[in-house]
Amino acid sequence: MPPLPQRSLDDWLTAYLKYTESSESPVSFHLWAGVSAIGAALQRKVYIKWGHSTIYPNQYIILVGPSGQSRKGEAINISRGMVESLKIPMIGEDNSQEAIIVEMKNAVTSFTDKGNNRLTFQCAVSCFVEELSVLCGQQNTQFLSYLTNWYDSRDHWKRTTKHQGTDEILGMCYNMLAATAPDWIPYILPREAIGGGFTSRCLFIVESGKSKIVANPNAIQQHDGLKKKLMRDLEAVHALSGAMVLDAKTLAKYIEWYENQEYDIRRGCPALRDQLFQGYMARRATHFFKTMMVMSASRGSDMTIIERDFNRARSMLDQAEKKMPLAFAGIGKARYAEETQQILDFISVHGKVTKADILTQFWRSVDDYSLDNIIKVLAGMKVVRVVIAPGQTHYEYIKKASPEAPLN
């Protein structure tokens, strides 16, 4: 068996964030787009055996931000370019569900599982789409049910139709990175897909705008040599196969984390209390495992999840989860839902504003009474702080820790 390729970088994701630093896209978008790239490279060749289940590193990651203001597409395009260099099967974004099934079926490849020396077959594909609506359409319940069904990477998937015969896929694995604006979500996702089903299998990475303004990206040093190292190391990631394991110390930390999470849920205090995330909370441990696997592959080829991988994955998920409920701000019948999101975005951009500032900006949408109710909601969500000072009350955005922190 040939030796694994040597790595050029200490950590792939850390280097990837360095490579993308001239982009205006939020760091979190690049971070999770990099996670999706590693998941695409690992395909179905790397896994964790966990009880009666097998967990694979494919993920459904959806970048959520205002159209034209958050550079979602740029983050996806950079990641897609890295994955395309591997020459692995990629699904087009404007395909029917039937065409995707055929492409997945025809994407069969074989590999030798380095863990048990067995020849194994897989039908692993990735889909990087700049507009989720192009892939899913509007309220397409049937296609969303397929995506829901594909997430767990079943050993054998079969579909029989009246006119097209039988489609069988052995070793299915579907990895997806997509983007959408928050105001599109109610049109793309029917109510029954939100809460359980499809959305419980997704990580929504939400930002309200660019991370910085870069008027002339050519003035920033372009890391061409770093790009070559990233592509070469992604090939090394792609060469991995077999079962990942948790070392003893990390396993103990995971058990403690899981038991505490379950205890919090029983007490009615889950990490995400929004009722639309009850299904996600039930699958949170799976999301955690998938992210830990990517962290391990990012830093090396030892096929072991160590404490560092656990801490990084946990920090990244914690940061993403703080903003996830904002993805569904327009869902449901809550009064002033859209205005609440707009005012939160306004406060987050300016950092600190007064009531007069908000009313001047949104006088067509809210009055004094409705604004008070909106501020109560935002304060209750702990994303806005009300500061009462002599002569004037103002509202401050509660900043979160940088998503770069777990990478250092």
Protein backbone atom coordinates (compact mmCIF):
# COMPACT_ATOMS: atom_id res chain seq x y z
CA MET A 1 0.00 0.00 0.00
CA PRO A 2 1.55 3.36 -1.04
CA PRO A 3 2.35 5.81 1.77
CA LEU A 4 0.07 8.79 2.33
CA PRO A 5 1.17 12.06 0.71
CA GLN A 6 3.14 14.38 2.97
CA ARG A 7 1.42 17.57 4.16
CA SER A 8 2.84 21.02 3.35
CA LEU A 9 0.70 22.91 5.87
CA ASP A 10 0.30 22.63 9.64
CA ASP A 11 -3.45 23.03 9.30
CA TRP A 12 -5.52 23.28 6.13
CA LEU A 13 -8.35 25.47 7.44
CA THR A 14 -6.01 27.96 9.09
CA ALA A 15 -4.11 28.32 5.82
CA TYR A 16 -7.37 28.56 3.88
CA LEU A 17 -8.48 31.54 5.98
CA LYS A 18 -5.11 33.16 5.27
CA TYR A 19 -5.59 32.54 1.56
CA THR A 20 -9.05 34.15 1.55
CA GLU A 21 -8.15 37.20 3.66
CA SER A 22 -8.40 39.58 0.67
CA SER A 23 -12.08 38.67 0.25
CA GLU A 24 -14.93 40.78 1.60
CA SER A 25 -16.92 37.68 2.55
CA PRO A 26 -17.38 37.12 6.31
CA VAL A 27 -14.71 34.92 7.88
CA SER A 28 -17.39 32.47 9.02
CA PHE A 29 -18.49 31.97 5.39
CA HIS A 30 -14.92 31.09 4.36
CA LEU A 31 -14.46 28.90 7.43
CA TRP A 32 -17.52 26.76 6.75
CA ALA A 33 -16.93 26.76 2.99
CA GLY A 34 -13.53 25.28 3.84
CA VAL A 35 -15.22 22.70 6.05
CA SER A 36 -17.41 21.72 3.10
CA ALA A 37 -14.35 21.43 0.84
CA ILE A 38 -12.70 18.97 3.26
CA GLY A 39 -15.97 17.02 3.55
CA ALA A 40 -16.12 16.81 -0.24
CA ALA A 41 -12.52 15.56 -0.38
CA LEU A 42 -13.10 12.89 2.29
CA GLN A 43 -16.21 11.61 0.46
CA ARG A 44 -17.46 8.36 1.98
CA LYS A 45 -13.96 6.96 2.46
CA VAL A 46 -13.61 8.19 6.04
CA TYR A 47 -16.13 7.40 8.76
CA ILE A 48 -16.74 6.87 12.45
CA LYS A 49 -18.33 3.69 13.75
CA TRP A 50 -20.66 4.72 16.57
CA GLY A 51 -22.82 1.99 18.04
CA HIS A 52 -25.07 0.65 15.31
CA SER A 53 -24.46 3.73 13.15
CA THR A 54 -21.76 4.87 10.78
CA ILE A 55 -21.20 8.62 10.55
CA TYR A 56 -19.67 10.18 7.43
CA PRO A 57 -18.22 13.71 7.03
CA ASN A 58 -20.72 15.00 4.43
CA GLN A 59 -22.64 18.08 5.56
CA TYR A 60 -25.41 20.40 4.40
CA ILE A 61 -24.01 23.89 4.97
CA ILE A 62 -26.10 26.91 3.97
CA LEU A 63 -24.65 30.43 4.01
CA VAL A 64 -27.35 32.98 4.79
CA GLY A 65 -26.95 36.70 4.17
CA PRO A 66 -28.55 39.65 2.37
CA SER A 67 -28.33 39.55 -1.42
CA GLY A 68 -25.37 41.51 -2.77
CA GLN A 69 -24.21 42.56 0.69
CA SER A 70 -22.51 39.52 2.20
CA ARG A 71 -20.49 37.99 -0.66
CA LYS A 72 -21.90 34.48 -0.18
CA GLY A 73 -21.15 33.51 -3.77
CA GLU A 74 -17.49 34.48 -3.54
CA ALA A 75 -16.95 32.22 -0.55
CA ILE A 76 -18.59 29.33 -2.40
CA ASN A 77 -16.66 29.93 -5.63
CA ILE A 78 -13.26 29.85 -3.90
CA SER A 79 -14.13 26.60 -2.12
CA ARG A 80 -15.56 25.06 -5.27
CA GLY A 81 -12.35 25.80 -7.14
CA MET A 82 -10.35 23.87 -4.55
CA VAL A 83 -12.67 20.86 -4.77
CA GLU A 84 -12.76 20.86 -8.58
CA SER A 85 -8.98 20.46 -8.60
CA LEU A 86 -9.49 16.97 -7.15
CA LYS A 87 -11.48 15.85 -10.20
CA ILE A 88 -14.16 14.30 -8.00
CA PRO A 89 -17.85 14.15 -9.02
CA MET A 90 -19.60 17.51 -8.72
CA ILE A 91 -23.34 18.00 -9.23
CA GLY A 92 -24.62 20.95 -11.26
CA GLU A 93 -26.88 23.36 -9.41
CA ASP A 94 -29.71 23.57 -11.95
CA ASN A 95 -30.61 19.89 -12.13
CA SER A 96 -33.85 18.02 -11.61
CA GLN A 97 -33.96 15.47 -8.80
CA GLU A 98 -34.08 12.72 -11.43
CA ALA A 99 -30.91 14.04 -13.08
CA ILE A 100 -29.12 14.25 -9.73
CA ILE A 101 -30.06 10.65 -8.93
CA VAL A 102 -28.67 9.53 -12.30
CA GLU A 103 -25.45 11.53 -11.76
CA MET A 104 -25.02 10.05 -8.30
CA LYS A 105 -25.67 6.57 -9.63
CA ASN A 106 -23.07 7.07 -12.38
CA ALA A 107 -20.49 8.52 -9.99
CA VAL A 108 -19.55 5.09 -8.63
CA THR A 109 -15.88 4.74 -7.69
CA SER A 110 -13.92 2.19 -5.71
CA PHE A 111 -11.21 2.55 -3.08
CA THR A 112 -9.30 0.37 -0.68
CA ASP A 113 -10.31 1.01 2.90
CA LYS A 114 -6.93 1.41 4.61
CA GLY A 115 -8.50 0.39 7.90
CA ASN A 116 -9.53 -3.12 6.84
CA ASN A 117 -7.86 -3.51 3.41
CA ARG A 118 -11.22 -4.11 1.71
CA LEU A 119 -12.18 -2.91 -1.73
CA THR A 120 -15.19 -0.63 -1.22
CA PHE A 121 -17.57 1.11 -3.63
CA GLN A 122 -19.11 4.53 -3.19
CA CYS A 123 -21.33 6.98 -5.06
CA ALA A 124 -20.08 10.21 -3.49
CA VAL A 125 -20.95 13.60 -4.97
CA SER A 126 -20.78 17.23 -3.88
CA CYS A 127 -22.97 20.14 -4.85
CA PHE A 128 -21.77 23.74 -4.44
CA VAL A 129 -24.58 26.14 -5.35
CA GLU A 130 -24.67 29.92 -5.08
CA GLU A 131 -28.47 30.02 -4.95
CA LEU A 132 -30.35 27.42 -2.94
CA SER A 133 -33.54 28.39 -4.78
CA VAL A 134 -32.01 27.28 -8.11
CA LEU A 135 -31.29 23.83 -6.68
CA CYS A 136 -34.46 23.32 -4.64
CA GLY A 137 -37.01 25.49 -6.41
CA GLN A 138 -39.89 26.84 -4.37
CA GLN A 139 -41.78 24.69 -1.89
CA ASN A 140 -40.50 21.52 -3.60
CA THR A 141 -41.43 19.10 -0.84
CA GLN A 142 -40.49 15.98 -2.80
CA PHE A 143 -36.95 17.10 -3.58
CA LEU A 144 -36.41 18.27 0.00
CA SER A 145 -37.53 14.85 1.20
CA TYR A 146 -34.87 13.28 -1.05
CA LEU A 147 -32.19 15.57 0.40
CA THR A 148 -33.39 14.61 3.87
CA ASN A 149 -33.14 10.95 2.97
CA TRP A 150 -29.65 11.27 1.45
CA TYR A 151 -28.04 12.98 4.42
CA ASP A 152 -27.22 9.80 6.37
CA SER A 153 -25.26 8.25 3.45
CA ARG A 154 -27.03 4.92 3.33
CA ASP A 155 -25.20 1.79 2.15
CA HIS A 156 -28.00 0.99 -0.28
CA TRP A 157 -30.57 3.43 -1.65
CA LYS A 158 -33.26 2.31 -4.07
CA ARG A 159 -36.03 4.06 -5.96
CA THR A 160 -38.59 2.48 -8.27
CA THR A 161 -40.75 4.58 -10.57
CA LYS A 162 -43.67 3.66 -12.78
CA HIS A 163 -42.11 4.76 -16.07
CA GLN A 164 -38.35 4.97 -15.44
CA GLY A 165 -37.69 1.64 -13.76
CA THR A 166 -35.41 1.20 -10.75
CA ASP A 167 -32.48 3.32 -9.60
CA GLU A 168 -30.07 1.80 -7.12
CA ILE A 169 -27.19 3.63 -5.48
CA LEU A 170 -24.55 1.76 -3.50
CA GLY A 171 -22.54 3.72 -0.97
CA MET A 172 -24.45 6.99 -1.29
CA CYS A 173 -22.87 10.22 -0.05
CA TYR A 174 -24.19 13.73 -0.81
CA ASN A 175 -22.27 16.80 0.39
CA MET A 176 -23.77 20.28 -0.12
CA LEU A 177 -22.65 23.89 0.25
CA ALA A 178 -25.35 26.40 -0.68
CA ALA A 179 -26.35 30.01 -0.10
CA THR A 180 -29.52 32.04 0.16
CA ALA A 181 -30.85 35.35 1.36
CA PRO A 182 -32.96 35.15 4.54
CA ASP A 183 -36.01 36.63 2.82
CA TRP A 184 -35.96 33.74 0.32
CA ILE A 185 -36.15 30.99 2.94
CA PRO A 186 -39.96 31.16 3.45
CA TYR A 187 -40.40 30.75 -0.32
CA ILE A 188 -37.90 27.89 -0.69
CA LEU A 189 -38.82 25.83 2.37
CA PRO A 190 -42.37 24.72 3.13
CA ARG A 191 -43.36 24.91 6.79
CA GLU A 192 -43.19 21.11 7.21
CA ALA A 193 -39.50 21.13 6.19
CA ILE A 194 -38.57 23.55 8.98
CA GLY A 195 -37.86 22.36 12.48
CA GLY A 196 -37.48 18.67 11.72
CA GLY A 197 -36.75 17.00 8.43
CA PHE A 198 -34.50 18.91 6.09
CA THR A 199 -33.48 21.87 8.25
CA SER A 200 -32.48 19.67 11.19
CA ARG A 201 -29.74 18.32 8.93
CA CYS A 202 -28.45 21.76 7.92
CA LEU A 203 -25.96 24.15 9.45
CA PHE A 204 -27.14 27.69 8.73
CA ILE A 205 -24.22 30.13 8.82
CA VAL A 206 -25.80 33.57 9.16
CA GLU A 207 -24.17 36.98 8.63
CA SER A 208 -25.69 40.39 8.00
CA GLY A 209 -22.99 41.82 5.73
CA LYS A 210 -19.37 41.83 4.59
CA SER A 211 -16.58 41.32 7.09
CA LYS A 212 -14.64 44.28 5.66
CA ILE A 213 -14.47 46.62 2.69
CA VAL A 214 -11.81 45.76 0.12
CA ALA A 215 -11.94 48.32 -2.68
CA ASN A 216 -8.87 46.93 -4.45
CA PRO A 217 -8.15 43.28 -3.68
CA ASN A 218 -5.20 43.38 -6.11
CA ALA A 219 -3.43 45.68 -3.64
CA ILE A 220 -3.40 42.82 -1.11
CA GLN A 221 -0.73 40.20 -1.52
CA GLN A 222 -2.13 37.23 -3.43
CA HIS A 223 -0.94 33.94 -1.97
CA ASP A 224 -0.37 31.93 -5.17
CA GLY A 225 2.19 29.70 -3.47
CA LEU A 226 -0.24 29.10 -0.62
CA LYS A 227 -2.96 28.12 -3.08
CA LYS A 228 -0.72 25.40 -4.51
CA LYS A 229 -0.03 24.08 -1.02
CA LEU A 230 -3.75 24.10 -0.21
CA MET A 231 -4.57 22.14 -3.35
CA ARG A 232 -1.75 19.67 -2.70
CA ASP A 233 -2.79 19.11 0.90
CA LEU A 234 -6.43 18.72 -0.11
CA GLU A 235 -5.23 15.85 -2.30
CA ALA A 236 -3.62 14.36 0.81
CA VAL A 237 -6.98 14.69 2.60
CA HIS A 238 -8.64 12.99 -0.38
CA ALA A 239 -6.20 10.06 -0.03
CA LEU A 240 -7.40 9.24 3.49
CA SER A 241 -9.63 6.23 4.07
CA GLY A 242 -10.79 4.08 6.94
CA ALA A 243 -12.31 4.57 10.37
CA MET A 244 -11.53 7.59 12.52
CA VAL A 245 -11.39 7.10 16.27
CA LEU A 246 -11.51 9.35 19.33
CA ASP A 247 -8.54 9.09 21.65
CA ALA A 248 -9.32 8.25 25.29
CA LYS A 249 -9.19 11.82 26.59
CA THR A 250 -11.40 13.16 23.80
CA LEU A 251 -13.88 10.33 24.20
CA ALA A 252 -14.25 11.23 27.89
CA LYS A 253 -14.80 14.90 26.99
CA TYR A 254 -17.40 13.96 24.38
CA ILE A 255 -19.32 11.76 26.83
CA GLU A 256 -19.38 14.61 29.35
CA TRP A 257 -20.52 17.07 26.66
CA TYR A 258 -23.28 14.75 25.44
CA GLU A 259 -24.62 13.96 28.90
CA ASN A 260 -24.66 17.66 29.83
CA GLN A 261 -26.49 18.48 26.61
CA GLU A 262 -29.13 15.84 27.23
CA TYR A 263 -29.54 17.02 30.80
CA ASP A 264 -30.04 20.60 29.62
CA ILE A 265 -32.65 19.46 27.10
CA ARG A 266 -34.57 17.60 29.81
CA ARG A 267 -34.50 20.72 31.99
CA GLY A 268 -35.97 22.69 29.11
CA CYS A 269 -32.74 24.66 28.59
CA PRO A 270 -31.28 23.43 25.27
CA ALA A 271 -28.45 25.32 23.59
CA LEU A 272 -30.98 26.48 20.99
CA ARG A 273 -34.32 27.24 22.60
CA ASP A 274 -36.09 28.32 19.41
CA GLN A 275 -38.82 25.73 18.74
CA LEU A 276 -37.77 25.63 15.07
CA PHE A 277 -34.51 23.99 16.16
CA GLN A 278 -35.89 21.07 18.16
CA GLY A 279 -35.04 18.70 15.31
CA TYR A 280 -31.57 20.19 14.99
CA MET A 281 -30.94 19.66 18.70
CA ALA A 282 -31.82 15.99 18.29
CA ARG A 283 -29.13 15.76 15.58
CA ARG A 284 -26.62 18.11 17.17
CA ALA A 285 -24.29 15.29 18.21
CA THR A 286 -24.14 14.08 14.60
CA HIS A 287 -23.25 17.59 13.41
CA PHE A 288 -20.58 17.65 16.10
CA PHE A 289 -19.07 14.34 14.97
CA LYS A 290 -19.01 15.41 11.32
CA THR A 291 -17.28 18.67 12.22
CA MET A 292 -14.73 16.93 14.48
CA MET A 293 -13.85 14.58 11.63
CA VAL A 294 -13.14 17.55 9.37
CA MET A 295 -11.01 19.20 12.08
CA SER A 296 -8.91 16.05 12.37
CA ALA A 297 -8.41 15.79 8.61
CA SER A 298 -7.58 19.51 8.45
CA ARG A 299 -4.58 19.21 10.78
CA GLY A 300 -3.17 15.83 9.71
CA SER A 301 -3.56 12.25 8.54
CA ASP A 302 -3.47 10.31 11.82
CA MET A 303 -7.21 9.46 11.56
CA THR A 304 -7.62 10.30 15.25
CA ILE A 305 -9.87 12.91 16.82
CA ILE A 306 -7.89 14.58 19.59
CA GLU A 307 -8.80 17.19 22.18
CA ARG A 308 -7.82 20.04 19.85
CA ASP A 309 -10.27 18.79 17.21
CA PHE A 310 -13.02 18.51 19.84
CA ASN A 311 -12.43 22.04 21.09
CA ARG A 312 -12.32 23.57 17.61
CA ALA A 313 -15.47 21.80 16.45
CA ARG A 314 -17.34 22.72 19.62
CA SER A 315 -16.31 26.38 19.41
CA MET A 316 -17.28 26.61 15.74
CA LEU A 317 -20.70 25.09 16.32
CA ASP A 318 -21.31 27.29 19.36
CA GLN A 319 -20.52 30.39 17.33
CA ALA A 320 -22.72 29.32 14.39
CA GLU A 321 -25.64 28.39 16.64
CA LYS A 322 -25.80 31.86 18.19
CA LYS A 323 -26.95 33.28 14.85
CA MET A 324 -28.83 30.30 13.39
CA PRO A 325 -32.29 31.42 14.58
CA LEU A 326 -31.87 34.59 12.49
CA ALA A 327 -32.09 32.43 9.37
CA PHE A 328 -35.77 31.87 10.13
CA ALA A 329 -36.65 35.41 11.15
CA GLY A 330 -39.32 35.56 8.46
CA ILE A 331 -40.87 32.17 9.28
CA GLY A 332 -44.09 31.80 11.19
CA LYS A 333 -46.66 34.31 12.36
CA ALA A 334 -44.64 36.38 14.80
CA ARG A 335 -45.63 40.01 14.54
CA TYR A 336 -42.89 42.36 13.31
CA ALA A 337 -40.61 39.42 12.37
CA GLU A 338 -39.24 41.14 9.28
CA GLU A 339 -38.86 44.50 11.04
CA THR A 340 -37.09 42.82 13.95
CA GLN A 341 -34.48 41.37 11.61
CA GLN A 342 -34.00 44.71 9.82
CA ILE A 343 -33.56 46.63 13.08
CA LEU A 344 -31.13 44.03 14.44
CA ASP A 345 -29.05 44.36 11.26
CA PHE A 346 -29.12 48.15 11.65
CA ILE A 347 -27.95 48.01 15.26
CA SER A 348 -25.23 45.43 14.49
CA VAL A 349 -23.80 47.61 11.70
CA HIS A 350 -23.71 50.78 13.81
CA GLY A 351 -22.84 49.16 17.14
CA LYS A 352 -24.78 51.68 19.21
CA VAL A 353 -27.92 53.65 18.24
CA THR A 354 -30.69 55.66 19.85
CA LYS A 355 -34.43 55.29 19.47
CA ALA A 356 -34.44 58.42 17.30
CA ASP A 357 -31.86 56.82 14.99
CA ILE A 358 -34.07 53.78 14.49
CA LEU A 359 -37.30 55.69 14.02
CA THR A 360 -35.62 58.01 11.50
CA GLN A 361 -34.47 55.01 9.49
CA PHE A 362 -37.61 52.85 9.80
CA TRP A 363 -40.46 55.34 10.26
CA ARG A 364 -42.39 53.66 7.43
CA SER A 365 -42.29 50.28 9.20
CA VAL A 366 -42.50 50.89 12.94
CA ASP A 367 -43.85 53.38 15.42
CA ASP A 368 -42.80 54.13 18.99
CA TYR A 369 -44.96 51.36 20.47
CA SER A 370 -43.93 48.62 18.03
CA LEU A 371 -40.25 49.57 18.39
CA ASP A 372 -40.47 49.06 22.15
CA ASN A 373 -41.83 45.55 21.57
CA ILE A 374 -39.09 44.76 19.06
CA ILE A 375 -36.37 45.94 21.44
CA LYS A 376 -37.84 43.74 24.18
CA VAL A 377 -37.54 40.74 21.85
CA LEU A 378 -33.93 41.56 20.90
CA ALA A 379 -32.97 42.16 24.52
CA GLY A 380 -34.59 38.85 25.49
CA MET A 381 -32.55 37.12 22.77
CA LYS A 382 -29.44 38.72 24.33
CA VAL A 383 -28.30 40.21 21.04
CA VAL A 384 -29.04 43.82 22.03
CA ARG A 385 -28.35 45.60 25.32
CA VAL A 386 -30.51 48.50 26.49
CA VAL A 387 -28.37 51.18 28.16
CA ILE A 388 -30.21 53.83 30.14
CA ALA A 389 -28.20 57.03 30.53
CA PRO A 390 -29.14 60.50 31.79
CA GLY A 391 -31.14 62.26 29.10
CA GLN A 392 -30.94 59.45 26.54
CA THR A 393 -31.41 55.70 26.18
CA HIS A 394 -29.46 53.82 23.53
CA TYR A 395 -29.21 50.28 22.27
CA GLU A 396 -25.94 48.39 21.88
CA TYR A 397 -25.23 45.31 19.77
CA ILE A 398 -23.76 42.50 21.85
CA LYS A 399 -20.74 41.38 19.88
CA LYS A 400 -19.81 37.71 19.69
CA ALA A 401 -16.36 36.19 19.72
CA SER A 402 -14.60 35.93 16.38
CA PRO A 403 -15.00 32.59 14.55
CA GLU A 404 -11.25 32.70 13.94
CA ALA A 405 -10.59 31.97 17.61
CA PRO A 406 -10.80 28.16 17.44
CA LEU A 407 -8.23 28.08 14.64
CA ASN A 408 -5.38 29.53 16.68
